[in-house]
Amino acid sequence: MKIKKNLSDADMLRGWSEEESFETAVLTDDSEHRRIRRTSRELKKEAEAKMMLPPEAQEKLNRCLLEVSMEWLREKGGDVDWKVVRDGMVITLVPAPAKHKK
């Protein structure tokens, strides 16, 4: 068989088919394509479903936590952990210094 010049890859491989071997049989994926990564929108909806707060209250809580975290970082210069304290029907989040694991 003579190889013709100036052919594209598709033209060179036209009419050729690979015989199935053990390697090609194992490497072929017969299952349907599954998404491995979820979008940030899906992750956000999933997190909102887990939390039992309305979206408006959750937004306010997140904003307040961010503000306190930024103030803590400016004043104390380190990371913050949150301690949850319940007193009857009142739930309080108290910032505390983060413990670094070594």
N, C-alpha and C. Protein backbone atom coordinates (compact mmCIF):
# COMPACT_ATOMS: atom_id res chain seq x y z
N MET A 1 0.84 -1.17 0.00
CA MET A 1 0.00 0.00 0.00
C MET A 1 0.89 1.24 0.00
N LYS A 2 0.62 2.13 -0.88
CA LYS A 2 1.39 3.35 -0.98
C LYS A 2 0.70 4.47 -0.20
N ILE A 3 1.49 5.24 0.56
CA ILE A 3 0.96 6.34 1.37
C ILE A 3 0.93 7.59 0.50
N LYS A 4 -0.24 8.18 0.39
CA LYS A 4 -0.39 9.40 -0.40
C LYS A 4 0.02 10.60 0.45
N LYS A 5 0.53 11.62 -0.19
CA LYS A 5 0.98 12.82 0.51
C LYS A 5 -0.14 13.85 0.58
N ASN A 6 0.04 14.80 1.53
CA ASN A 6 -0.85 15.95 1.71
C ASN A 6 -2.30 15.55 2.02
N LEU A 7 -2.48 14.50 2.81
CA LEU A 7 -3.82 14.10 3.23
C LEU A 7 -4.04 14.54 4.68
N SER A 8 -5.27 14.84 4.99
CA SER A 8 -5.60 15.18 6.37
C SER A 8 -5.66 13.88 7.18
N ASP A 9 -5.70 14.03 8.50
CA ASP A 9 -5.79 12.84 9.35
C ASP A 9 -7.04 12.04 9.04
N ALA A 10 -8.15 12.72 8.85
CA ALA A 10 -9.41 12.03 8.56
C ALA A 10 -9.31 11.27 7.24
N ASP A 11 -8.66 11.88 6.25
CA ASP A 11 -8.51 11.21 4.95
C ASP A 11 -7.61 9.99 5.06
N MET A 12 -6.56 10.09 5.87
CA MET A 12 -5.64 8.96 6.01
C MET A 12 -6.31 7.78 6.71
N LEU A 13 -7.19 8.07 7.65
CA LEU A 13 -7.82 6.99 8.42
C LEU A 13 -9.17 6.55 7.87
N ARG A 14 -9.58 7.09 6.74
CA ARG A 14 -10.84 6.71 6.14
C ARG A 14 -10.79 5.23 5.73
N GLY A 15 -11.82 4.49 6.13
CA GLY A 15 -11.90 3.09 5.76
C GLY A 15 -11.14 2.17 6.70
N TRP A 16 -10.47 2.70 7.70
CA TRP A 16 -9.70 1.87 8.63
C TRP A 16 -10.48 1.72 9.92
N SER A 17 -10.52 0.52 10.45
CA SER A 17 -11.16 0.31 11.74
C SER A 17 -10.25 -0.55 12.59
N GLU A 18 -10.19 -0.23 13.87
CA GLU A 18 -9.31 -0.94 14.78
C GLU A 18 -9.98 -2.23 15.23
N GLU A 19 -9.22 -3.30 15.25
CA GLU A 19 -9.76 -4.56 15.74
C GLU A 19 -9.86 -4.47 17.26
N GLU A 20 -10.92 -5.06 17.80
CA GLU A 20 -11.10 -4.99 19.24
C GLU A 20 -10.15 -5.95 19.93
N SER A 21 -9.41 -5.40 20.87
CA SER A 21 -8.49 -6.20 21.67
C SER A 21 -8.89 -6.04 23.14
N PHE A 22 -8.15 -6.69 24.01
CA PHE A 22 -8.44 -6.59 25.44
C PHE A 22 -8.36 -5.14 25.91
N GLU A 23 -7.34 -4.41 25.48
CA GLU A 23 -7.15 -3.03 25.91
C GLU A 23 -8.29 -2.13 25.44
N THR A 24 -8.66 -2.26 24.18
CA THR A 24 -9.73 -1.39 23.67
C THR A 24 -11.07 -1.76 24.28
N ALA A 25 -11.28 -3.04 24.60
CA ALA A 25 -12.54 -3.45 25.22
C ALA A 25 -12.64 -2.91 26.64
N VAL A 26 -11.54 -2.91 27.37
CA VAL A 26 -11.54 -2.43 28.74
C VAL A 26 -11.67 -0.90 28.77
N LEU A 27 -11.03 -0.22 27.85
CA LEU A 27 -11.00 1.24 27.88
C LEU A 27 -12.27 1.90 27.35
N THR A 28 -13.11 1.17 26.63
CA THR A 28 -14.33 1.78 26.13
C THR A 28 -15.31 1.95 27.28
N ASP A 29 -16.01 3.05 27.28
CA ASP A 29 -16.96 3.37 28.34
C ASP A 29 -18.36 3.17 27.80
N ASP A 30 -19.02 2.11 28.26
CA ASP A 30 -20.37 1.81 27.79
C ASP A 30 -21.45 2.55 28.57
N SER A 31 -21.09 3.07 29.73
CA SER A 31 -22.08 3.77 30.54
C SER A 31 -22.32 5.17 29.97
N GLU A 32 -23.41 5.75 30.38
CA GLU A 32 -23.70 7.11 29.92
C GLU A 32 -22.78 8.10 30.61
N HIS A 33 -22.59 9.22 29.99
CA HIS A 33 -21.69 10.26 30.51
C HIS A 33 -22.28 10.84 31.79
N ARG A 34 -21.50 10.81 32.88
CA ARG A 34 -21.95 11.34 34.16
C ARG A 34 -21.14 12.58 34.50
N ARG A 35 -21.82 13.59 35.03
CA ARG A 35 -21.11 14.80 35.45
C ARG A 35 -20.50 14.56 36.81
N ILE A 36 -19.22 14.85 36.92
CA ILE A 36 -18.52 14.65 38.17
C ILE A 36 -18.63 15.90 39.03
N ARG A 37 -18.45 17.04 38.42
CA ARG A 37 -18.50 18.30 39.17
C ARG A 37 -19.90 18.89 39.08
N ARG A 38 -20.34 19.41 40.21
CA ARG A 38 -21.61 20.10 40.22
C ARG A 38 -21.34 21.59 40.14
N THR A 39 -22.30 22.30 39.60
CA THR A 39 -22.12 23.74 39.46
C THR A 39 -22.30 24.41 40.82
N SER A 40 -21.80 25.61 40.93
CA SER A 40 -21.92 26.35 42.20
C SER A 40 -23.38 26.63 42.52
N ARG A 41 -24.19 26.80 41.51
CA ARG A 41 -25.62 27.03 41.72
C ARG A 41 -26.27 25.80 42.36
N GLU A 42 -25.89 24.59 41.88
CA GLU A 42 -26.43 23.36 42.46
C GLU A 42 -25.96 23.19 43.90
N LEU A 43 -24.70 23.50 44.15
CA LEU A 43 -24.17 23.38 45.51
C LEU A 43 -24.86 24.36 46.45
N LYS A 44 -25.14 25.57 45.97
CA LYS A 44 -25.80 26.58 46.80
C LYS A 44 -27.23 26.14 47.13
N LYS A 45 -27.95 25.60 46.14
CA LYS A 45 -29.31 25.13 46.40
C LYS A 45 -29.31 23.97 47.39
N GLU A 46 -28.33 23.09 47.27
CA GLU A 46 -28.23 21.95 48.18
C GLU A 46 -27.95 22.42 49.61
N ALA A 47 -27.07 23.40 49.75
CA ALA A 47 -26.75 23.93 51.08
C ALA A 47 -27.96 24.65 51.68
N GLU A 48 -28.71 25.39 50.86
CA GLU A 48 -29.90 26.07 51.35
C GLU A 48 -30.96 25.07 51.80
N ALA A 49 -31.06 23.95 51.10
CA ALA A 49 -32.04 22.94 51.48
C ALA A 49 -31.68 22.30 52.81
N LYS A 50 -30.38 22.16 53.09
CA LYS A 50 -29.96 21.56 54.35
C LYS A 50 -30.20 22.50 55.53
N MET A 51 -30.05 23.79 55.30
CA MET A 51 -30.24 24.78 56.36
C MET A 51 -31.72 25.12 56.45
N MET A 52 -32.24 25.19 57.66
CA MET A 52 -33.67 25.42 57.83
C MET A 52 -34.00 26.89 58.03
N LEU A 53 -33.37 27.75 57.27
CA LEU A 53 -33.64 29.19 57.35
C LEU A 53 -34.17 29.67 56.02
N PRO A 54 -35.04 30.67 56.05
CA PRO A 54 -35.46 31.26 54.78
C PRO A 54 -34.26 31.94 54.11
N PRO A 55 -34.27 32.06 52.80
CA PRO A 55 -33.13 32.65 52.09
C PRO A 55 -32.74 34.04 52.59
N GLU A 56 -33.73 34.87 52.96
CA GLU A 56 -33.41 36.22 53.43
C GLU A 56 -32.64 36.18 54.75
N ALA A 57 -33.09 35.32 55.67
CA ALA A 57 -32.41 35.20 56.97
C ALA A 57 -31.03 34.61 56.80
N GLN A 58 -30.91 33.67 55.89
CA GLN A 58 -29.61 33.05 55.63
C GLN A 58 -28.64 34.08 55.05
N GLU A 59 -29.13 34.93 54.17
CA GLU A 59 -28.29 35.97 53.57
C GLU A 59 -27.80 36.95 54.64
N LYS A 60 -28.70 37.37 55.54
CA LYS A 60 -28.31 38.28 56.63
C LYS A 60 -27.29 37.63 57.55
N LEU A 61 -27.52 36.35 57.88
CA LEU A 61 -26.60 35.62 58.75
C LEU A 61 -25.22 35.53 58.11
N ASN A 62 -25.17 35.18 56.84
CA ASN A 62 -23.89 35.08 56.13
C ASN A 62 -23.17 36.42 56.10
N ARG A 63 -23.91 37.50 55.87
CA ARG A 63 -23.30 38.83 55.81
C ARG A 63 -22.72 39.20 57.18
N CYS A 64 -23.48 38.95 58.24
CA CYS A 64 -23.00 39.27 59.59
C CYS A 64 -21.78 38.43 59.95
N LEU A 65 -21.79 37.16 59.61
CA LEU A 65 -20.64 36.29 59.90
C LEU A 65 -19.40 36.77 59.16
N LEU A 66 -19.58 37.20 57.93
CA LEU A 66 -18.45 37.71 57.15
C LEU A 66 -17.90 38.99 57.77
N GLU A 67 -18.79 39.89 58.19
CA GLU A 67 -18.34 41.14 58.81
C GLU A 67 -17.57 40.88 60.10
N VAL A 68 -18.09 39.99 60.94
CA VAL A 68 -17.41 39.68 62.20
C VAL A 68 -16.08 38.99 61.93
N SER A 69 -16.05 38.11 60.94
CA SER A 69 -14.80 37.43 60.59
C SER A 69 -13.75 38.42 60.12
N MET A 70 -14.15 39.40 59.32
CA MET A 70 -13.21 40.41 58.83
C MET A 70 -12.70 41.29 59.97
N GLU A 71 -13.60 41.68 60.89
CA GLU A 71 -13.17 42.47 62.05
C GLU A 71 -12.20 41.67 62.91
N TRP A 72 -12.49 40.38 63.11
CA TRP A 72 -11.62 39.50 63.90
C TRP A 72 -10.24 39.43 63.26
N LEU A 73 -10.21 39.28 61.95
CA LEU A 73 -8.95 39.17 61.23
C LEU A 73 -8.13 40.46 61.36
N ARG A 74 -8.80 41.62 61.28
CA ARG A 74 -8.10 42.89 61.42
C ARG A 74 -7.58 43.10 62.83
N GLU A 75 -8.40 42.81 63.82
CA GLU A 75 -8.03 43.10 65.21
C GLU A 75 -7.11 42.04 65.80
N LYS A 76 -7.45 40.78 65.62
CA LYS A 76 -6.69 39.70 66.26
C LYS A 76 -5.61 39.14 65.35
N GLY A 77 -5.77 39.29 64.05
CA GLY A 77 -4.75 38.83 63.12
C GLY A 77 -4.69 37.33 62.92
N GLY A 78 -5.77 36.64 63.17
CA GLY A 78 -5.77 35.19 62.98
C GLY A 78 -7.13 34.69 62.54
N ASP A 79 -7.20 33.39 62.31
CA ASP A 79 -8.46 32.78 61.89
C ASP A 79 -9.41 32.67 63.08
N VAL A 80 -10.67 32.48 62.75
CA VAL A 80 -11.71 32.41 63.78
C VAL A 80 -12.49 31.11 63.65
N ASP A 81 -12.82 30.52 64.80
CA ASP A 81 -13.75 29.40 64.87
C ASP A 81 -15.03 29.91 65.51
N TRP A 82 -16.14 29.27 65.20
CA TRP A 82 -17.41 29.70 65.74
C TRP A 82 -17.90 28.68 66.75
N LYS A 83 -18.22 29.15 67.95
CA LYS A 83 -18.81 28.31 68.99
C LYS A 83 -20.30 28.61 69.02
N VAL A 84 -21.12 27.56 69.02
CA VAL A 84 -22.56 27.72 69.03
C VAL A 84 -23.06 27.48 70.46
N VAL A 85 -23.77 28.46 71.00
CA VAL A 85 -24.28 28.38 72.37
C VAL A 85 -25.79 28.55 72.32
N ARG A 86 -26.51 27.63 72.97
CA ARG A 86 -27.97 27.71 73.01
C ARG A 86 -28.41 28.02 74.43
N ASP A 87 -29.26 29.03 74.56
CA ASP A 87 -29.82 29.39 75.85
C ASP A 87 -31.34 29.48 75.67
N GLY A 88 -32.02 28.39 75.92
CA GLY A 88 -33.47 28.34 75.71
C GLY A 88 -33.78 28.44 74.22
N MET A 89 -34.50 29.48 73.84
CA MET A 89 -34.88 29.67 72.44
C MET A 89 -33.90 30.58 71.69
N VAL A 90 -32.82 30.98 72.35
CA VAL A 90 -31.84 31.88 71.75
C VAL A 90 -30.58 31.09 71.40
N ILE A 91 -30.15 31.20 70.16
CA ILE A 91 -28.91 30.56 69.70
C ILE A 91 -27.91 31.67 69.42
N THR A 92 -26.72 31.54 70.02
CA THR A 92 -25.69 32.57 69.88
C THR A 92 -24.45 31.96 69.25
N LEU A 93 -23.88 32.68 68.29
CA LEU A 93 -22.60 32.30 67.69
C LEU A 93 -21.53 33.18 68.29
N VAL A 94 -20.52 32.56 68.89
CA VAL A 94 -19.46 33.30 69.56
C VAL A 94 -18.14 33.03 68.85
N PRO A 95 -17.43 34.09 68.41
CA PRO A 95 -16.13 33.86 67.77
C PRO A 95 -15.08 33.46 68.80
N ALA A 96 -14.19 32.57 68.39
CA ALA A 96 -13.10 32.12 69.25
C ALA A 96 -11.88 31.91 68.37
N PRO A 97 -10.68 32.01 68.93
CA PRO A 97 -9.48 31.80 68.12
C PRO A 97 -9.45 30.38 67.55
N ALA A 98 -9.03 30.28 66.31
CA ALA A 98 -8.95 28.97 65.67
C ALA A 98 -7.74 28.22 66.19
N LYS A 99 -7.91 26.94 66.42
CA LYS A 99 -6.80 26.10 66.86
C LYS A 99 -6.19 25.45 65.63
N HIS A 100 -4.91 25.65 65.44
CA HIS A 100 -4.22 25.11 64.28
C HIS A 100 -3.74 23.70 64.60
N LYS A 101 -4.05 22.76 63.70
CA LYS A 101 -3.60 21.38 63.87
C LYS A 101 -2.23 21.23 63.24
N LYS A 102 -1.33 20.60 63.96
CA LYS A 102 0.02 20.42 63.43
C LYS A 102 0.33 18.97 63.29
